[in-house]
């Protein structure tokens, strides 16, 4: 399990959100504002006028649609897993 050098700065709330993102099967109740809080702690989040959100973590960048309600949809969770894993985060990072 990989650990990112910045992972020690994650709050327990950020770690809980990270665990939910990497949870199998995919959790259906990950609130978008919790995801944004985590992403802002580990990278940058830029909202675009077209309803997309640009997320950069380390050297990895991904684009996500804003959810229509408070919860993050399954496709976004899968994309977040890929982005965070490529940036060096894992389920193990949430345990540190």
PDB file of N, CA and C in Angstrom:
ATOM      1  N   UNK A   1       0.836  -1.173   0.000  1.00  0.00           N
ATOM      2  CA  UNK A   1       0.000   0.000   0.000  1.00  0.00           C
ATOM      3  C   UNK A   1       0.882   1.238   0.000  1.00  0.00           C
ATOM      4  N   UNK A   2       0.534   2.164  -0.855  1.00  0.00           N
ATOM      5  CA  UNK A   2       1.360   3.356  -1.007  1.00  0.00           C
ATOM      6  C   UNK A   2       0.943   4.413  -0.012  1.00  0.00           C
ATOM      7  N   UNK A   3       1.889   5.231   0.352  1.00  0.00           N
ATOM      8  CA  UNK A   3       1.589   6.355   1.215  1.00  0.00           C
ATOM      9  C   UNK A   3       2.164   7.603   0.583  1.00  0.00           C
ATOM     10  N   UNK A   4       1.360   8.633   0.493  1.00  0.00           N
ATOM     11  CA  UNK A   4       1.806   9.888  -0.085  1.00  0.00           C
ATOM     12  C   UNK A   4       2.475  10.717   0.996  1.00  0.00           C
ATOM     13  N   UNK A   5       3.545  11.471   0.667  1.00  0.00           N
ATOM     14  CA  UNK A   5       4.211  12.287   1.664  1.00  0.00           C
ATOM     15  C   UNK A   5       3.279  13.263   2.372  1.00  0.00           C
ATOM     16  N   UNK A   6       2.222  13.706   1.710  1.00  0.00           N
ATOM     17  CA  UNK A   6       1.293  14.650   2.324  1.00  0.00           C
ATOM     18  C   UNK A   6       0.187  13.996   3.110  1.00  0.00           C
ATOM     19  N   UNK A   7       0.160  12.664   3.162  1.00  0.00           N
ATOM     20  CA  UNK A   7      -0.962  11.977   3.797  1.00  0.00           C
ATOM     21  C   UNK A   7      -1.047  12.233   5.297  1.00  0.00           C
ATOM     22  N   UNK A   8       0.048  12.599   5.924  1.00  0.00           N
ATOM     23  CA  UNK A   8      -0.017  12.857   7.361  1.00  0.00           C
ATOM     24  C   UNK A   8      -0.816  14.118   7.680  1.00  0.00           C
ATOM     25  N   UNK A   9      -1.100  14.929   6.663  1.00  0.00           N
ATOM     26  CA  UNK A   9      -1.863  16.165   6.864  1.00  0.00           C
ATOM     27  C   UNK A   9      -3.364  15.958   6.691  1.00  0.00           C
ATOM     28  N   UNK A  10      -3.773  14.741   6.369  1.00  0.00           N
ATOM     29  CA  UNK A  10      -5.190  14.464   6.210  1.00  0.00           C
ATOM     30  C   UNK A  10      -5.866  14.368   7.570  1.00  0.00           C
ATOM     31  N   UNK A  11      -7.038  14.978   7.681  1.00  0.00           N
ATOM     32  CA  UNK A  11      -7.813  14.866   8.908  1.00  0.00           C
ATOM     33  C   UNK A  11      -8.495  13.498   8.949  1.00  0.00           C
ATOM     34  N   UNK A  12      -9.049  13.161  10.074  1.00  0.00           N
ATOM     35  CA  UNK A  12      -9.763  11.889  10.175  1.00  0.00           C
ATOM     36  C   UNK A  12     -10.969  11.881   9.229  1.00  0.00           C
ATOM     37  N   UNK A  13     -11.579  13.028   9.011  1.00  0.00           N
ATOM     38  CA  UNK A  13     -12.710  13.132   8.080  1.00  0.00           C
ATOM     39  C   UNK A  13     -12.240  12.867   6.652  1.00  0.00           C
ATOM     40  N   UNK A  14     -11.079  13.440   6.273  1.00  0.00           N
ATOM     41  CA  UNK A  14     -10.511  13.190   4.941  1.00  0.00           C
ATOM     42  C   UNK A  14     -10.186  11.708   4.768  1.00  0.00           C
ATOM     43  N   UNK A  15      -9.622  11.099   5.796  1.00  0.00           N
ATOM     44  CA  UNK A  15      -9.275   9.674   5.729  1.00  0.00           C
ATOM     45  C   UNK A  15     -10.531   8.808   5.572  1.00  0.00           C
ATOM     46  N   UNK A  16     -11.597   9.193   6.257  1.00  0.00           N
ATOM     47  CA  UNK A  16     -12.857   8.442   6.143  1.00  0.00           C
ATOM     48  C   UNK A  16     -13.406   8.546   4.718  1.00  0.00           C
ATOM     49  N   UNK A  17     -13.313   9.736   4.120  1.00  0.00           N
ATOM     50  CA  UNK A  17     -13.774   9.921   2.745  1.00  0.00           C
ATOM     51  C   UNK A  17     -12.910   9.112   1.787  1.00  0.00           C
ATOM     52  N   UNK A  18     -11.610   9.103   2.010  1.00  0.00           N
ATOM     53  CA  UNK A  18     -10.694   8.322   1.177  1.00  0.00           C
ATOM     54  C   UNK A  18     -11.024   6.837   1.273  1.00  0.00           C
ATOM     55  N   UNK A  19     -11.317   6.339   2.485  1.00  0.00           N
ATOM     56  CA  UNK A  19     -11.713   4.932   2.665  1.00  0.00           C
ATOM     57  C   UNK A  19     -12.986   4.627   1.872  1.00  0.00           C
ATOM     58  N   UNK A  20     -13.966   5.545   1.923  1.00  0.00           N
ATOM     59  CA  UNK A  20     -15.215   5.330   1.181  1.00  0.00           C
ATOM     60  C   UNK A  20     -14.962   5.269  -0.320  1.00  0.00           C
ATOM     61  N   UNK A  21     -14.059   6.117  -0.813  1.00  0.00           N
ATOM     62  CA  UNK A  21     -13.761   6.129  -2.249  1.00  0.00           C
ATOM     63  C   UNK A  21     -13.165   4.800  -2.689  1.00  0.00           C
ATOM     64  N   UNK A  22     -12.296   4.215  -1.869  1.00  0.00           N
ATOM     65  CA  UNK A  22     -11.635   2.963  -2.238  1.00  0.00           C
ATOM     66  C   UNK A  22     -12.415   1.728  -1.797  1.00  0.00           C
ATOM     67  N   UNK A  23     -13.527   1.897  -1.113  1.00  0.00           N
ATOM     68  CA  UNK A  23     -14.331   0.783  -0.607  1.00  0.00           C
ATOM     69  C   UNK A  23     -14.921  -0.034  -1.752  1.00  0.00           C
ATOM     70  N   UNK A  24     -14.928  -1.363  -1.582  1.00  0.00           N
ATOM     71  CA  UNK A  24     -15.562  -2.273  -2.536  1.00  0.00           C
ATOM     72  C   UNK A  24     -16.672  -3.000  -1.813  1.00  0.00           C
ATOM     73  N   UNK A  25     -17.860  -3.086  -2.352  1.00  0.00           N
ATOM     74  CA  UNK A  25     -18.317  -2.426  -3.569  1.00  0.00           C
ATOM     75  C   UNK A  25     -18.408  -0.917  -3.367  1.00  0.00           C
ATOM     76  N   UNK A  26     -18.637  -0.193  -4.445  1.00  0.00           N
ATOM     77  CA  UNK A  26     -18.668   1.264  -4.406  1.00  0.00           C
ATOM     78  C   UNK A  26     -19.766   1.745  -3.474  1.00  0.00           C
ATOM     79  N   UNK A  27     -19.399   2.653  -2.590  1.00  0.00           N
ATOM     80  CA  UNK A  27     -20.364   3.259  -1.679  1.00  0.00           C
ATOM     81  C   UNK A  27     -21.265   4.214  -2.465  1.00  0.00           C
ATOM     82  N   UNK A  28     -22.547   4.203  -2.147  1.00  0.00           N
ATOM     83  CA  UNK A  28     -23.503   5.076  -2.839  1.00  0.00           C
ATOM     84  C   UNK A  28     -23.805   6.339  -2.051  1.00  0.00           C
ATOM     85  N   UNK A  29     -23.117   6.552  -0.949  1.00  0.00           N
ATOM     86  CA  UNK A  29     -23.435   7.719  -0.124  1.00  0.00           C
ATOM     87  C   UNK A  29     -22.181   8.512   0.254  1.00  0.00           C
ATOM     88  N   UNK A  30     -21.382   8.841  -0.751  1.00  0.00           N
ATOM     89  CA  UNK A  30     -20.215   9.696  -0.525  1.00  0.00           C
ATOM     90  C   UNK A  30     -20.633  11.100  -0.931  1.00  0.00           C
ATOM     91  N   UNK A  31     -20.740  11.974   0.036  1.00  0.00           N
ATOM     92  CA  UNK A  31     -21.210  13.325  -0.256  1.00  0.00           C
ATOM     93  C   UNK A  31     -20.144  14.113  -1.018  1.00  0.00           C
ATOM     94  N   UNK A  32     -20.608  14.826  -2.048  1.00  0.00           N
ATOM     95  CA  UNK A  32     -19.706  15.571  -2.922  1.00  0.00           C
ATOM     96  C   UNK A  32     -18.886  16.596  -2.147  1.00  0.00           C
ATOM     97  N   UNK A  33     -19.497  17.288  -1.180  1.00  0.00           N
ATOM     98  CA  UNK A  33     -18.730  18.296  -0.439  1.00  0.00           C
ATOM     99  C   UNK A  33     -17.604  17.655   0.368  1.00  0.00           C
ATOM    100  N   UNK A  34     -17.768  16.406   0.798  1.00  0.00           N
ATOM    101  CA  UNK A  34     -16.688  15.687   1.487  1.00  0.00           C
ATOM    102  C   UNK A  34     -15.557  15.359   0.516  1.00  0.00           C
ATOM    103  N   UNK A  35     -15.931  14.979  -0.706  1.00  0.00           N
ATOM    104  CA  UNK A  35     -14.933  14.678  -1.742  1.00  0.00           C
ATOM    105  C   UNK A  35     -14.135  15.931  -2.064  1.00  0.00           C
ATOM    106  N   UNK A  36     -14.815  17.055  -2.253  1.00  0.00           N
ATOM    107  CA  UNK A  36     -14.134  18.316  -2.573  1.00  0.00           C
ATOM    108  C   UNK A  36     -13.192  18.706  -1.446  1.00  0.00           C
ATOM    109  N   UNK A  37     -13.622  18.546  -0.214  1.00  0.00           N
ATOM    110  CA  UNK A  37     -12.770  18.865   0.930  1.00  0.00           C
ATOM    111  C   UNK A  37     -11.491  18.029   0.908  1.00  0.00           C
ATOM    112  N   UNK A  38     -11.626  16.736   0.647  1.00  0.00           N
ATOM    113  CA  UNK A  38     -10.469  15.846   0.546  1.00  0.00           C
ATOM    114  C   UNK A  38      -9.555  16.286  -0.594  1.00  0.00           C
ATOM    115  N   UNK A  39     -10.149  16.531  -1.765  1.00  0.00           N
ATOM    116  CA  UNK A  39      -9.351  16.893  -2.937  1.00  0.00           C
ATOM    117  C   UNK A  39      -8.620  18.218  -2.738  1.00  0.00           C
ATOM    118  N   UNK A  40      -9.252  19.161  -2.070  1.00  0.00           N
ATOM    119  CA  UNK A  40      -8.587  20.431  -1.786  1.00  0.00           C
ATOM    120  C   UNK A  40      -7.444  20.254  -0.795  1.00  0.00           C
ATOM    121  N   UNK A  41      -7.539  19.230   0.063  1.00  0.00           N
ATOM    122  CA  UNK A  41      -6.470  18.956   1.029  1.00  0.00           C
ATOM    123  C   UNK A  41      -5.261  18.317   0.360  1.00  0.00           C
ATOM    124  N   UNK A  42      -5.489  17.567  -0.733  1.00  0.00           N
ATOM    125  CA  UNK A  42      -4.387  16.844  -1.380  1.00  0.00           C
ATOM    126  C   UNK A  42      -3.985  17.434  -2.726  1.00  0.00           C
ATOM    127  N   UNK A  43      -4.749  18.384  -3.232  1.00  0.00           N
ATOM    128  CA  UNK A  43      -4.469  18.949  -4.545  1.00  0.00           C
ATOM    129  C   UNK A  43      -5.246  20.229  -4.766  1.00  0.00           C
ATOM    130  N   UNK A  44      -5.649  20.454  -6.017  1.00  0.00           N
ATOM    131  CA  UNK A  44      -6.419  21.652  -6.346  1.00  0.00           C
ATOM    132  C   UNK A  44      -7.714  21.253  -7.044  1.00  0.00           C
ATOM    133  N   UNK A  45      -8.733  22.067  -6.831  1.00  0.00           N
ATOM    134  CA  UNK A  45     -10.036  21.857  -7.431  1.00  0.00           C
ATOM    135  C   UNK A  45     -10.446  23.165  -8.093  1.00  0.00           C
ATOM    136  N   UNK A  46     -10.731  23.094  -9.376  1.00  0.00           N
ATOM    137  CA  UNK A  46     -11.130  24.292 -10.116  1.00  0.00           C
ATOM    138  C   UNK A  46     -12.464  24.020 -10.798  1.00  0.00           C
ATOM    139  N   UNK A  47     -13.431  24.870 -10.486  1.00  0.00           N
ATOM    140  CA  UNK A  47     -14.755  24.711 -11.085  1.00  0.00           C
ATOM    141  C   UNK A  47     -14.804  25.478 -12.404  1.00  0.00           C
ATOM    142  N   UNK A  48     -15.334  24.836 -13.443  1.00  0.00           N
ATOM    143  CA  UNK A  48     -15.457  25.458 -14.761  1.00  0.00           C
ATOM    144  C   UNK A  48     -16.914  25.805 -15.026  1.00  0.00           C
ATOM    145  N   UNK A  49     -17.133  26.775 -15.907  1.00  0.00           N
ATOM    146  CA  UNK A  49     -18.490  27.232 -16.217  1.00  0.00           C
ATOM    147  C   UNK A  49     -19.334  26.164 -16.909  1.00  0.00           C
ATOM    148  N   UNK A  50     -18.709  25.185 -17.522  1.00  0.00           N
ATOM    149  CA  UNK A  50     -19.452  24.148 -18.237  1.00  0.00           C
ATOM    150  C   UNK A  50     -19.985  23.044 -17.318  1.00  0.00           C
ATOM    151  N   UNK A  51     -19.894  23.261 -16.003  1.00  0.00           N
ATOM    152  CA  UNK A  51     -20.395  22.269 -15.057  1.00  0.00           C
ATOM    153  C   UNK A  51     -19.392  21.185 -14.724  1.00  0.00           C
ATOM    154  N   UNK A  52     -18.177  21.335 -15.190  1.00  0.00           N
ATOM    155  CA  UNK A  52     -17.105  20.362 -14.901  1.00  0.00           C
ATOM    156  C   UNK A  52     -16.233  20.888 -13.769  1.00  0.00           C
ATOM    157  N   UNK A  53     -15.576  19.957 -13.128  1.00  0.00           N
ATOM    158  CA  UNK A  53     -14.627  20.275 -12.065  1.00  0.00           C
ATOM    159  C   UNK A  53     -13.295  19.663 -12.476  1.00  0.00           C
ATOM    160  N   UNK A  54     -12.251  20.489 -12.484  1.00  0.00           N
ATOM    161  CA  UNK A  54     -10.910  20.021 -12.811  1.00  0.00           C
ATOM    162  C   UNK A  54     -10.173  19.772 -11.503  1.00  0.00           C
ATOM    163  N   UNK A  55      -9.664  18.566 -11.361  1.00  0.00           N
ATOM    164  CA  UNK A  55      -8.975  18.176 -10.131  1.00  0.00           C
ATOM    165  C   UNK A  55      -7.542  17.798 -10.480  1.00  0.00           C
ATOM    166  N   UNK A  56      -6.595  18.379  -9.754  1.00  0.00           N
ATOM    167  CA  UNK A  56      -5.195  18.024  -9.937  1.00  0.00           C
ATOM    168  C   UNK A  56      -4.636  17.569  -8.598  1.00  0.00           C
ATOM    169  N   UNK A  57      -4.076  16.369  -8.597  1.00  0.00           N
ATOM    170  CA  UNK A  57      -3.415  15.815  -7.412  1.00  0.00           C
ATOM    171  C   UNK A  57      -2.039  15.365  -7.879  1.00  0.00           C
ATOM    172  N   UNK A  58      -1.006  16.023  -7.375  1.00  0.00           N
ATOM    173  CA  UNK A  58       0.345  15.738  -7.840  1.00  0.00           C
ATOM    174  C   UNK A  58       0.438  16.078  -9.315  1.00  0.00           C
ATOM    175  N   UNK A  59       0.869  15.117 -10.120  1.00  0.00           N
ATOM    176  CA  UNK A  59       0.983  15.339 -11.566  1.00  0.00           C
ATOM    177  C   UNK A  59      -0.242  14.827 -12.320  1.00  0.00           C
ATOM    178  N   UNK A  60      -1.226  14.325 -11.596  1.00  0.00           N
ATOM    179  CA  UNK A  60      -2.428  13.743 -12.209  1.00  0.00           C
ATOM    180  C   UNK A  60      -3.561  14.764 -12.232  1.00  0.00           C
ATOM    181  N   UNK A  61      -4.266  14.825 -13.371  1.00  0.00           N
ATOM    182  CA  UNK A  61      -5.408  15.725 -13.513  1.00  0.00           C
ATOM    183  C   UNK A  61      -6.592  14.946 -14.049  1.00  0.00           C
ATOM    184  N   UNK A  62      -7.762  15.221 -13.510  1.00  0.00           N
ATOM    185  CA  UNK A  62      -8.986  14.589 -13.978  1.00  0.00           C
ATOM    186  C   UNK A  62     -10.107  15.603 -14.036  1.00  0.00           C
ATOM    187  N   UNK A  63     -11.119  15.327 -14.848  1.00  0.00           N
ATOM    188  CA  UNK A  63     -12.286  16.190 -14.989  1.00  0.00           C
ATOM    189  C   UNK A  63     -13.517  15.405 -14.571  1.00  0.00           C
ATOM    190  N   UNK A  64     -14.357  16.037 -13.775  1.00  0.00           N
ATOM    191  CA  UNK A  64     -15.543  15.385 -13.246  1.00  0.00           C
ATOM    192  C   UNK A  64     -16.743  16.296 -13.435  1.00  0.00           C
ATOM    193  N   UNK A  65     -17.914  15.683 -13.677  1.00  0.00           N
ATOM    194  CA  UNK A  65     -19.163  16.436 -13.752  1.00  0.00           C
ATOM    195  C   UNK A  65     -19.632  16.731 -12.336  1.00  0.00           C
ATOM    196  N   UNK A  66     -20.193  17.918 -12.136  1.00  0.00           N
ATOM    197  CA  UNK A  66     -20.794  18.217 -10.847  1.00  0.00           C
ATOM    198  C   UNK A  66     -22.001  17.296 -10.662  1.00  0.00           C
ATOM    199  N   UNK A  67     -22.147  16.706  -9.495  1.00  0.00           N
ATOM    200  CA  UNK A  67     -23.286  15.802  -9.291  1.00  0.00           C
ATOM    201  C   UNK A  67     -24.601  16.582  -9.257  1.00  0.00           C
ATOM    202  N   UNK A  68     -25.686  15.926  -9.621  1.00  0.00           N
ATOM    203  CA  UNK A  68     -26.997  16.569  -9.622  1.00  0.00           C
ATOM    204  C   UNK A  68     -27.596  16.652  -8.217  1.00  0.00           C
ATOM    205  N   UNK A  69     -27.078  15.849  -7.298  1.00  0.00           N
ATOM    206  CA  UNK A  69     -27.529  15.939  -5.903  1.00  0.00           C
ATOM    207  C   UNK A  69     -26.302  15.931  -4.994  1.00  0.00           C
ATOM    208  N   UNK A  70     -26.501  15.711  -3.712  1.00  0.00           N
ATOM    209  CA  UNK A  70     -25.389  15.821  -2.760  1.00  0.00           C
ATOM    210  C   UNK A  70     -24.395  14.666  -2.822  1.00  0.00           C
ATOM    211  N   UNK A  71     -24.816  13.516  -3.367  1.00  0.00           N
ATOM    212  CA  UNK A  71     -23.950  12.339  -3.390  1.00  0.00           C
ATOM    213  C   UNK A  71     -23.171  12.228  -4.696  1.00  0.00           C
ATOM    214  N   UNK A  72     -21.991  11.653  -4.602  1.00  0.00           N
ATOM    215  CA  UNK A  72     -21.119  11.441  -5.747  1.00  0.00           C
ATOM    216  C   UNK A  72     -21.569  10.184  -6.481  1.00  0.00           C
ATOM    217  N   UNK A  73     -21.701  10.257  -7.819  1.00  0.00           N
ATOM    218  CA  UNK A  73     -22.175   9.084  -8.547  1.00  0.00           C
ATOM    219  C   UNK A  73     -21.055   8.054  -8.711  1.00  0.00           C
ATOM    220  N   UNK A  74     -21.441   6.842  -9.077  1.00  0.00           N
ATOM    221  CA  UNK A  74     -20.506   5.715  -9.148  1.00  0.00           C
ATOM    222  C   UNK A  74     -19.391   5.965 -10.155  1.00  0.00           C
ATOM    223  N   UNK A  75     -19.724   6.520 -11.315  1.00  0.00           N
ATOM    224  CA  UNK A  75     -18.692   6.789 -12.326  1.00  0.00           C
ATOM    225  C   UNK A  75     -17.640   7.750 -11.788  1.00  0.00           C
ATOM    226  N   UNK A  76     -18.080   8.776 -11.051  1.00  0.00           N
ATOM    227  CA  UNK A  76     -17.134   9.727 -10.467  1.00  0.00           C
ATOM    228  C   UNK A  76     -16.248   9.047  -9.426  1.00  0.00           C
ATOM    229  N   UNK A  77     -16.823   8.160  -8.619  1.00  0.00           N
ATOM    230  CA  UNK A  77     -16.043   7.449  -7.607  1.00  0.00           C
ATOM    231  C   UNK A  77     -14.957   6.604  -8.273  1.00  0.00           C
ATOM    232  N   UNK A  78     -15.319   5.914  -9.349  1.00  0.00           N
ATOM    233  CA  UNK A  78     -14.341   5.100 -10.073  1.00  0.00           C
ATOM    234  C   UNK A  78     -13.237   5.997 -10.638  1.00  0.00           C
ATOM    235  N   UNK A  79     -13.603   7.137 -11.206  1.00  0.00           N
ATOM    236  CA  UNK A  79     -12.616   8.081 -11.716  1.00  0.00           C
ATOM    237  C   UNK A  79     -11.731   8.651 -10.619  1.00  0.00           C
ATOM    238  N   UNK A  80     -12.330   8.913  -9.476  1.00  0.00           N
ATOM    239  CA  UNK A  80     -11.559   9.418  -8.329  1.00  0.00           C
ATOM    240  C   UNK A  80     -10.564   8.367  -7.848  1.00  0.00           C
ATOM    241  N   UNK A  81     -10.982   7.107  -7.821  1.00  0.00           N
ATOM    242  CA  UNK A  81     -10.068   6.022  -7.439  1.00  0.00           C
ATOM    243  C   UNK A  81      -8.850   6.016  -8.337  1.00  0.00           C
ATOM    244  N   UNK A  82      -9.112   6.076  -9.648  1.00  0.00           N
ATOM    245  CA  UNK A  82      -8.008   6.050 -10.617  1.00  0.00           C
ATOM    246  C   UNK A  82      -7.070   7.237 -10.417  1.00  0.00           C
ATOM    247  N   UNK A  83      -7.645   8.425 -10.292  1.00  0.00           N
ATOM    248  CA  UNK A  83      -6.848   9.638 -10.124  1.00  0.00           C
ATOM    249  C   UNK A  83      -6.014   9.573  -8.852  1.00  0.00           C
ATOM    250  N   UNK A  84      -6.646   9.232  -7.751  1.00  0.00           N
ATOM    251  CA  UNK A  84      -5.940   9.192  -6.470  1.00  0.00           C
ATOM    252  C   UNK A  84      -4.888   8.083  -6.444  1.00  0.00           C
ATOM    253  N   UNK A  85      -5.210   6.930  -7.012  1.00  0.00           N
ATOM    254  CA  UNK A  85      -4.234   5.831  -7.055  1.00  0.00           C
ATOM    255  C   UNK A  85      -3.029   6.222  -7.902  1.00  0.00           C
ATOM    256  N   UNK A  86      -3.274   6.862  -9.047  1.00  0.00           N
ATOM    257  CA  UNK A  86      -2.171   7.293  -9.910  1.00  0.00           C
ATOM    258  C   UNK A  86      -1.305   8.346  -9.223  1.00  0.00           C
ATOM    259  N   UNK A  87      -1.913   9.116  -8.308  1.00  0.00           N
ATOM    260  CA  UNK A  87      -1.172  10.146  -7.573  1.00  0.00           C
ATOM    261  C   UNK A  87      -0.495   9.580  -6.328  1.00  0.00           C
ATOM    262  N   UNK A  88      -0.669   8.267  -6.058  1.00  0.00           N
ATOM    263  CA  UNK A  88       0.023   7.633  -4.950  1.00  0.00           C
ATOM    264  C   UNK A  88      -0.814   7.384  -3.722  1.00  0.00           C
ATOM    265  N   UNK A  89      -2.095   7.677  -3.796  1.00  0.00           N
ATOM    266  CA  UNK A  89      -2.994   7.424  -2.658  1.00  0.00           C
ATOM    267  C   UNK A  89      -3.621   6.047  -2.817  1.00  0.00           C
ATOM    268  N   UNK A  90      -3.978   5.446  -1.704  1.00  0.00           N
ATOM    269  CA  UNK A  90      -4.595   4.128  -1.713  1.00  0.00           C
ATOM    270  C   UNK A  90      -5.455   3.986  -0.474  1.00  0.00           C
ATOM    271  N   UNK A  91      -6.102   2.869  -0.375  1.00  0.00           N
ATOM    272  CA  UNK A  91      -6.902   2.588   0.823  1.00  0.00           C
ATOM    273  C   UNK A  91      -5.990   2.605   2.053  1.00  0.00           C
ATOM    274  N   UNK A  92      -4.747   2.168   1.878  1.00  0.00           N
ATOM    275  CA  UNK A  92      -3.788   2.168   2.976  1.00  0.00           C
ATOM    276  C   UNK A  92      -3.433   3.560   3.461  1.00  0.00           C
ATOM    277  N   UNK A  93      -3.493   4.539   2.568  1.00  0.00           N
ATOM    278  CA  UNK A  93      -3.208   5.925   2.960  1.00  0.00           C
ATOM    279  C   UNK A  93      -4.231   6.386   3.982  1.00  0.00           C
ATOM    280  N   UNK A  94      -5.461   5.919   3.838  1.00  0.00           N
ATOM    281  CA  UNK A  94      -6.524   6.310   4.760  1.00  0.00           C
ATOM    282  C   UNK A  94      -6.297   5.742   6.151  1.00  0.00           C
ATOM    283  N   UNK A  95      -5.477   4.708   6.276  1.00  0.00           N
ATOM    284  CA  UNK A  95      -5.238   4.068   7.570  1.00  0.00           C
ATOM    285  C   UNK A  95      -4.083   4.681   8.341  1.00  0.00           C
ATOM    286  N   UNK A  96      -3.243   5.457   7.640  1.00  0.00           N
ATOM    287  CA  UNK A  96      -2.044   6.016   8.299  1.00  0.00           C
ATOM    288  C   UNK A  96      -2.395   6.989   9.376  1.00  0.00           C
TER     289      UNK A  96
END
